[in-house]
Amino acid sequence: MVRGDPTESYVEIPRYLHMLTQSNPGSIVSLQKTVDGYFQYAFVALNSSIQGWVNCRPVVIVDGSFLKAAYHGTFLTASCQDAGVNRIDHRVKAYLYEIGYSNGQGHIPHCHCRESLPTTLPVGRASAKYESVLTDNLEIALHMMVRPSSDYLHTVTHMGKTFIVCIKAKTCTCRQFQLDELPCPHALAVLHKKGLDGDDYSSLYYTKENMMKTYDIPIHPMPDESTWDLPQEVIEEILLHPIGNKVPGRPRKKRQEKVWKSTKKNI
């Protein structure tokens, strides 16, 4: 698909998908085409990703990109959050807090990252980046006032606002505790006052053990094409290029600027 004629490259897809399952047993592939044999879409789920899914947070991120090849198309990916993925653009973090937590919409996971890791928090099972999150939360928690209502229910006051934390249910009225499945600053304020370990109130998805299990099964490389052992039905399968007009010439390498950007340069 990378080299050669784009039209003829589609003939190789059935063979490639077959060898992909041979090199990585347990993988799921699906090739959909029209009645006339024209390509519609291909689906690939590698066994390594399938087995690693059970060790990741059940949050699926779907992204897409328009292809600039001769017949265009769209490349869609679905990924999930492992114990090491903990990055978010600082420019939108405040916005996500606002719409995800303050307004109770709760569909956007919060994550942020810091490279340095102070040793003031007794954590050891979480991956390094999530230990950093707990440490950041504890630094904020130390400035909060905690009042117990029962053994598990506490009222936490900070900067004129009041939050209710239930450490038994692992919830906080800020919603960060239940959305992230990590103790929020208010929960950590309670845990710190009671001398409890924040690790014990964090999801197992964030542990180092889960991180290692996620990538325990490797992705095996494809053998050289000259060594492929293909069944006759795969060799004889015919797959035609997608229906549509082929774009003449080479794909554009430089993105075309918007009109308002070109006008701004000339001002």
Protein backbone atom coordinates (compact mmCIF):
# COMPACT_ATOMS: atom_id res chain seq x y z
CA MET A 1 0.00 0.00 0.00
CA VAL A 2 2.94 2.30 0.49
CA ARG A 3 4.72 1.69 -2.80
CA GLY A 4 3.49 0.90 -6.29
CA ASP A 5 0.21 1.59 -8.05
CA PRO A 6 -2.63 2.44 -5.59
CA THR A 7 -5.17 0.49 -7.64
CA GLU A 8 -3.12 -2.70 -7.64
CA SER A 9 -2.28 -2.34 -3.95
CA TYR A 10 -5.82 -3.27 -2.92
CA VAL A 11 -5.25 -6.77 -4.29
CA GLU A 12 -2.68 -7.30 -1.50
CA ILE A 13 -5.05 -6.48 1.36
CA PRO A 14 -6.65 -9.97 1.72
CA ARG A 15 -3.21 -11.56 1.69
CA TYR A 16 -1.86 -9.09 4.21
CA LEU A 17 -4.79 -9.61 6.60
CA HIS A 18 -4.40 -13.39 6.37
CA MET A 19 -0.72 -13.24 7.23
CA LEU A 20 -1.42 -10.78 10.03
CA THR A 21 -3.60 -13.38 11.76
CA GLN A 22 -0.97 -16.06 11.14
CA SER A 23 1.78 -13.93 12.72
CA ASN A 24 -0.46 -12.80 15.59
CA PRO A 25 -2.89 -15.64 16.47
CA GLY A 26 -6.02 -14.47 18.23
CA SER A 27 -6.21 -11.24 16.23
CA ILE A 28 -9.53 -10.29 14.65
CA VAL A 29 -9.65 -8.98 11.09
CA SER A 30 -12.60 -8.23 8.85
CA LEU A 31 -12.67 -7.15 5.21
CA GLN A 32 -15.89 -5.69 3.85
CA LYS A 33 -16.50 -5.22 0.13
CA THR A 34 -19.44 -4.62 -2.17
CA VAL A 35 -21.22 -7.36 -4.11
CA ASP A 36 -19.09 -6.37 -7.09
CA GLY A 37 -15.87 -6.81 -5.09
CA TYR A 38 -15.06 -3.14 -4.43
CA PHE A 39 -13.31 -2.27 -1.16
CA GLN A 40 -15.44 -0.68 1.58
CA TYR A 41 -13.47 -1.04 4.81
CA ALA A 42 -11.06 -3.21 6.76
CA PHE A 43 -11.07 -3.80 10.50
CA VAL A 44 -8.05 -4.97 12.52
CA ALA A 45 -7.81 -5.77 16.24
CA LEU A 46 -4.47 -7.29 17.21
CA ASN A 47 -4.45 -10.02 19.84
CA SER A 48 -1.98 -7.99 21.90
CA SER A 49 -4.50 -5.14 22.12
CA ILE A 50 -7.41 -7.48 22.81
CA GLN A 51 -5.62 -9.17 25.71
CA GLY A 52 -4.27 -5.88 27.05
CA TRP A 53 -7.72 -4.29 27.13
CA VAL A 54 -8.74 -6.07 30.34
CA ASN A 55 -5.92 -4.27 32.19
CA CYS A 56 -6.90 -0.79 31.01
CA ARG A 57 -9.55 1.62 32.18
CA PRO A 58 -12.86 0.99 30.34
CA VAL A 59 -12.60 4.30 28.54
CA VAL A 60 -12.41 4.17 24.73
CA ILE A 61 -10.98 7.08 22.74
CA VAL A 62 -11.98 7.12 19.07
CA ASP A 63 -10.05 9.29 16.63
CA GLY A 64 -10.03 9.64 12.88
CA SER A 65 -7.86 11.08 10.14
CA PHE A 66 -8.64 11.77 6.50
CA LEU A 67 -6.35 9.91 4.12
CA LYS A 68 -4.68 11.81 1.32
CA ALA A 69 -4.08 8.77 -0.88
CA ALA A 70 -5.44 8.41 -4.39
CA TYR A 71 -8.87 7.22 -3.27
CA HIS A 72 -9.05 9.24 -0.05
CA GLY A 73 -10.87 7.45 2.80
CA THR A 74 -10.75 7.73 6.59
CA PHE A 75 -8.44 6.03 9.08
CA LEU A 76 -10.19 5.39 12.39
CA THR A 77 -8.48 4.28 15.60
CA ALA A 78 -9.86 3.18 18.97
CA SER A 79 -7.57 3.25 22.00
CA CYS A 80 -7.93 3.02 25.76
CA GLN A 81 -6.16 4.40 28.82
CA ASP A 82 -3.38 2.32 30.35
CA ALA A 83 -1.59 2.93 33.63
CA GLY A 84 1.01 5.11 31.92
CA VAL A 85 -1.20 7.38 29.83
CA ASN A 86 -1.64 10.50 31.89
CA ARG A 87 -1.23 13.54 29.71
CA ILE A 88 -3.52 16.39 28.82
CA ASP A 89 -2.90 19.77 27.22
CA HIS A 90 -2.65 22.32 30.00
CA ARG A 91 -4.60 24.79 27.85
CA VAL A 92 -7.76 22.70 28.07
CA LYS A 93 -7.37 21.15 31.53
CA ALA A 94 -9.28 23.96 33.23
CA TYR A 95 -12.02 23.71 30.61
CA LEU A 96 -12.42 19.95 31.15
CA TYR A 97 -12.65 20.48 34.89
CA GLU A 98 -15.41 23.00 34.32
CA ILE A 99 -17.59 20.91 32.01
CA GLY A 100 -16.66 17.50 33.40
CA TYR A 101 -16.87 18.04 37.12
CA SER A 102 -18.45 21.35 38.09
CA ASN A 103 -21.47 20.87 35.81
CA GLY A 104 -21.74 17.15 36.56
CA GLN A 105 -21.50 15.97 32.95
CA GLY A 106 -18.91 13.35 33.87
CA HIS A 107 -17.99 11.98 30.44
CA ILE A 108 -14.46 13.36 30.17
CA PRO A 109 -11.66 11.68 32.16
CA HIS A 110 -9.26 14.09 33.83
CA CYS A 111 -5.56 13.45 33.69
CA HIS A 112 -2.46 15.55 34.05
CA CYS A 113 1.20 14.83 34.39
CA ARG A 114 4.27 16.02 36.24
CA GLU A 115 7.73 14.61 35.73
CA SER A 116 9.13 15.16 39.24
CA LEU A 117 7.84 12.91 42.02
CA PRO A 118 8.14 14.06 45.65
CA THR A 119 8.31 11.30 48.24
CA THR A 120 5.84 12.78 50.73
CA LEU A 121 3.03 10.39 49.79
CA PRO A 122 3.25 6.70 50.78
CA VAL A 123 2.36 5.18 47.42
CA GLY A 124 4.09 2.28 45.73
CA ARG A 125 1.71 0.25 43.61
CA ALA A 126 0.64 3.01 41.21
CA SER A 127 2.63 3.78 38.07
CA ALA A 128 4.99 6.75 38.40
CA LYS A 129 2.80 9.28 36.63
CA TYR A 130 -0.24 8.47 38.76
CA GLU A 131 1.88 8.64 41.89
CA SER A 132 2.57 12.18 40.74
CA VAL A 133 -1.16 12.88 40.49
CA LEU A 134 -1.69 11.64 44.04
CA THR A 135 1.21 13.74 45.25
CA ASP A 136 -0.18 16.86 43.57
CA ASN A 137 -3.59 16.19 45.12
CA LEU A 138 -2.05 15.72 48.56
CA GLU A 139 -0.25 19.06 48.36
CA ILE A 140 -3.64 20.71 47.86
CA ALA A 141 -5.31 18.52 50.48
CA LEU A 142 -2.98 19.67 53.26
CA HIS A 143 -4.65 23.10 53.19
CA MET A 144 -8.20 21.74 53.65
CA MET A 145 -10.35 21.46 56.78
CA VAL A 146 -11.92 18.05 57.47
CA ARG A 147 -14.93 17.44 59.73
CA PRO A 148 -16.14 13.85 60.27
CA SER A 149 -19.84 13.07 60.17
CA SER A 150 -19.33 9.32 60.61
CA ASP A 151 -16.53 6.80 60.18
CA TYR A 152 -16.86 7.01 56.39
CA LEU A 153 -18.60 10.31 55.72
CA HIS A 154 -16.69 13.59 56.01
CA THR A 155 -17.20 17.25 55.14
CA VAL A 156 -14.21 18.96 53.58
CA THR A 157 -13.95 22.75 53.33
CA HIS A 158 -11.55 24.52 50.99
CA MET A 159 -11.48 28.13 49.77
CA GLY A 160 -15.03 28.76 50.94
CA LYS A 161 -16.48 25.67 49.25
CA THR A 162 -17.77 22.53 50.95
CA PHE A 163 -17.46 18.98 49.62
CA ILE A 164 -18.81 15.70 51.01
CA VAL A 165 -16.54 12.67 50.84
CA CYS A 166 -17.56 9.07 51.46
CA ILE A 167 -14.42 6.96 51.59
CA LYS A 168 -16.44 3.73 51.83
CA ALA A 169 -18.21 4.38 48.51
CA LYS A 170 -15.15 6.18 47.10
CA THR A 171 -17.17 9.25 46.14
CA CYS A 172 -16.88 13.01 46.45
CA THR A 173 -19.37 15.69 45.49
CA CYS A 174 -16.72 17.19 43.21
CA ARG A 175 -17.12 13.95 41.16
CA GLN A 176 -13.38 13.70 40.48
CA PHE A 177 -12.96 10.75 42.88
CA GLN A 178 -15.48 8.54 41.07
CA LEU A 179 -14.59 9.68 37.55
CA ASP A 180 -10.82 9.27 37.82
CA GLU A 181 -11.01 6.36 40.28
CA LEU A 182 -8.16 8.10 42.09
CA PRO A 183 -8.55 10.01 45.38
CA CYS A 184 -9.26 13.67 44.65
CA PRO A 185 -7.70 16.37 46.90
CA HIS A 186 -10.78 16.32 49.15
CA ALA A 187 -10.64 12.54 49.54
CA LEU A 188 -6.91 12.69 50.22
CA ALA A 189 -7.52 15.29 52.92
CA VAL A 190 -9.77 12.75 54.66
CA LEU A 191 -7.37 9.85 54.11
CA HIS A 192 -4.44 11.90 55.40
CA LYS A 193 -6.36 12.86 58.55
CA LYS A 194 -7.27 9.21 59.20
CA GLY A 195 -3.76 7.94 58.37
CA LEU A 196 -4.95 5.83 55.44
CA ASP A 197 -3.02 5.03 52.27
CA GLY A 198 -4.23 6.63 49.03
CA ASP A 199 -3.13 3.54 47.12
CA ASP A 200 -5.83 1.48 48.81
CA TYR A 201 -8.50 3.80 47.40
CA SER A 202 -7.17 3.89 43.84
CA SER A 203 -8.32 1.70 40.97
CA LEU A 204 -6.25 -1.37 40.12
CA TYR A 205 -6.09 -0.03 36.56
CA TYR A 206 -3.39 2.40 37.72
CA THR A 207 -1.03 -0.16 39.23
CA LYS A 208 2.39 -1.06 37.90
CA GLU A 209 1.28 -4.69 37.67
CA ASN A 210 -1.57 -3.77 35.33
CA MET A 211 0.80 -1.64 33.29
CA MET A 212 3.09 -4.62 32.75
CA LYS A 213 0.22 -6.98 31.96
CA THR A 214 -1.15 -4.57 29.37
CA TYR A 215 1.91 -5.07 27.18
CA ASP A 216 2.76 -8.60 28.26
CA ILE A 217 1.80 -10.05 24.86
CA PRO A 218 4.04 -8.69 22.08
CA ILE A 219 3.04 -7.75 18.55
CA HIS A 220 4.88 -10.12 16.25
CA PRO A 221 6.37 -8.65 13.05
CA MET A 222 5.27 -9.79 9.61
CA PRO A 223 7.62 -12.15 7.72
CA ASP A 224 9.05 -11.20 4.34
CA GLU A 225 6.43 -11.38 1.59
CA SER A 226 8.51 -13.91 -0.36
CA THR A 227 7.97 -16.44 2.46
CA TRP A 228 4.20 -16.07 2.77
CA ASP A 229 2.35 -19.40 2.68
CA LEU A 230 -1.12 -18.49 1.42
CA PRO A 231 -4.12 -20.77 0.92
CA GLN A 232 -5.51 -20.90 -2.59
CA GLU A 233 -8.76 -19.11 -1.72
CA VAL A 234 -6.80 -16.12 -0.40
CA ILE A 235 -4.61 -16.01 -3.51
CA GLU A 236 -7.67 -16.11 -5.78
CA GLU A 237 -9.66 -13.52 -3.82
CA ILE A 238 -10.28 -10.40 -5.88
CA LEU A 239 -10.50 -7.01 -4.23
CA LEU A 240 -11.01 -3.88 -6.34
CA HIS A 241 -10.19 -0.32 -5.41
CA PRO A 242 -12.90 1.79 -3.68
CA ILE A 243 -15.65 3.24 -5.81
CA GLY A 244 -14.99 6.89 -6.53
CA ASN A 245 -12.95 9.21 -8.65
CA LYS A 246 -9.22 8.83 -8.34
CA VAL A 247 -7.50 12.12 -7.59
CA PRO A 248 -5.02 12.97 -10.36
CA GLY A 249 -1.36 13.69 -9.58
CA ARG A 250 0.52 13.29 -6.32
CA PRO A 251 -1.11 13.95 -2.94
CA ARG A 252 -0.68 17.48 -1.64
CA LYS A 253 2.24 17.63 0.84
CA LYS A 254 1.59 21.12 2.17
CA ARG A 255 -1.74 21.93 3.77
CA GLN A 256 -3.65 24.66 1.97
CA GLU A 257 -4.02 27.71 4.16
CA LYS A 258 -7.40 29.10 5.04
CA VAL A 259 -8.42 32.32 3.30
CA TRP A 260 -8.45 34.32 6.53
CA LYS A 261 -4.88 33.20 7.33
CA SER A 262 -3.59 34.30 3.94
CA THR A 263 -5.35 37.64 4.34
CA LYS A 264 -3.88 38.13 7.82
CA LYS A 265 -0.33 37.68 6.47
CA ASN A 266 -0.87 40.40 3.88
CA ILE A 267 -2.13 42.94 6.40
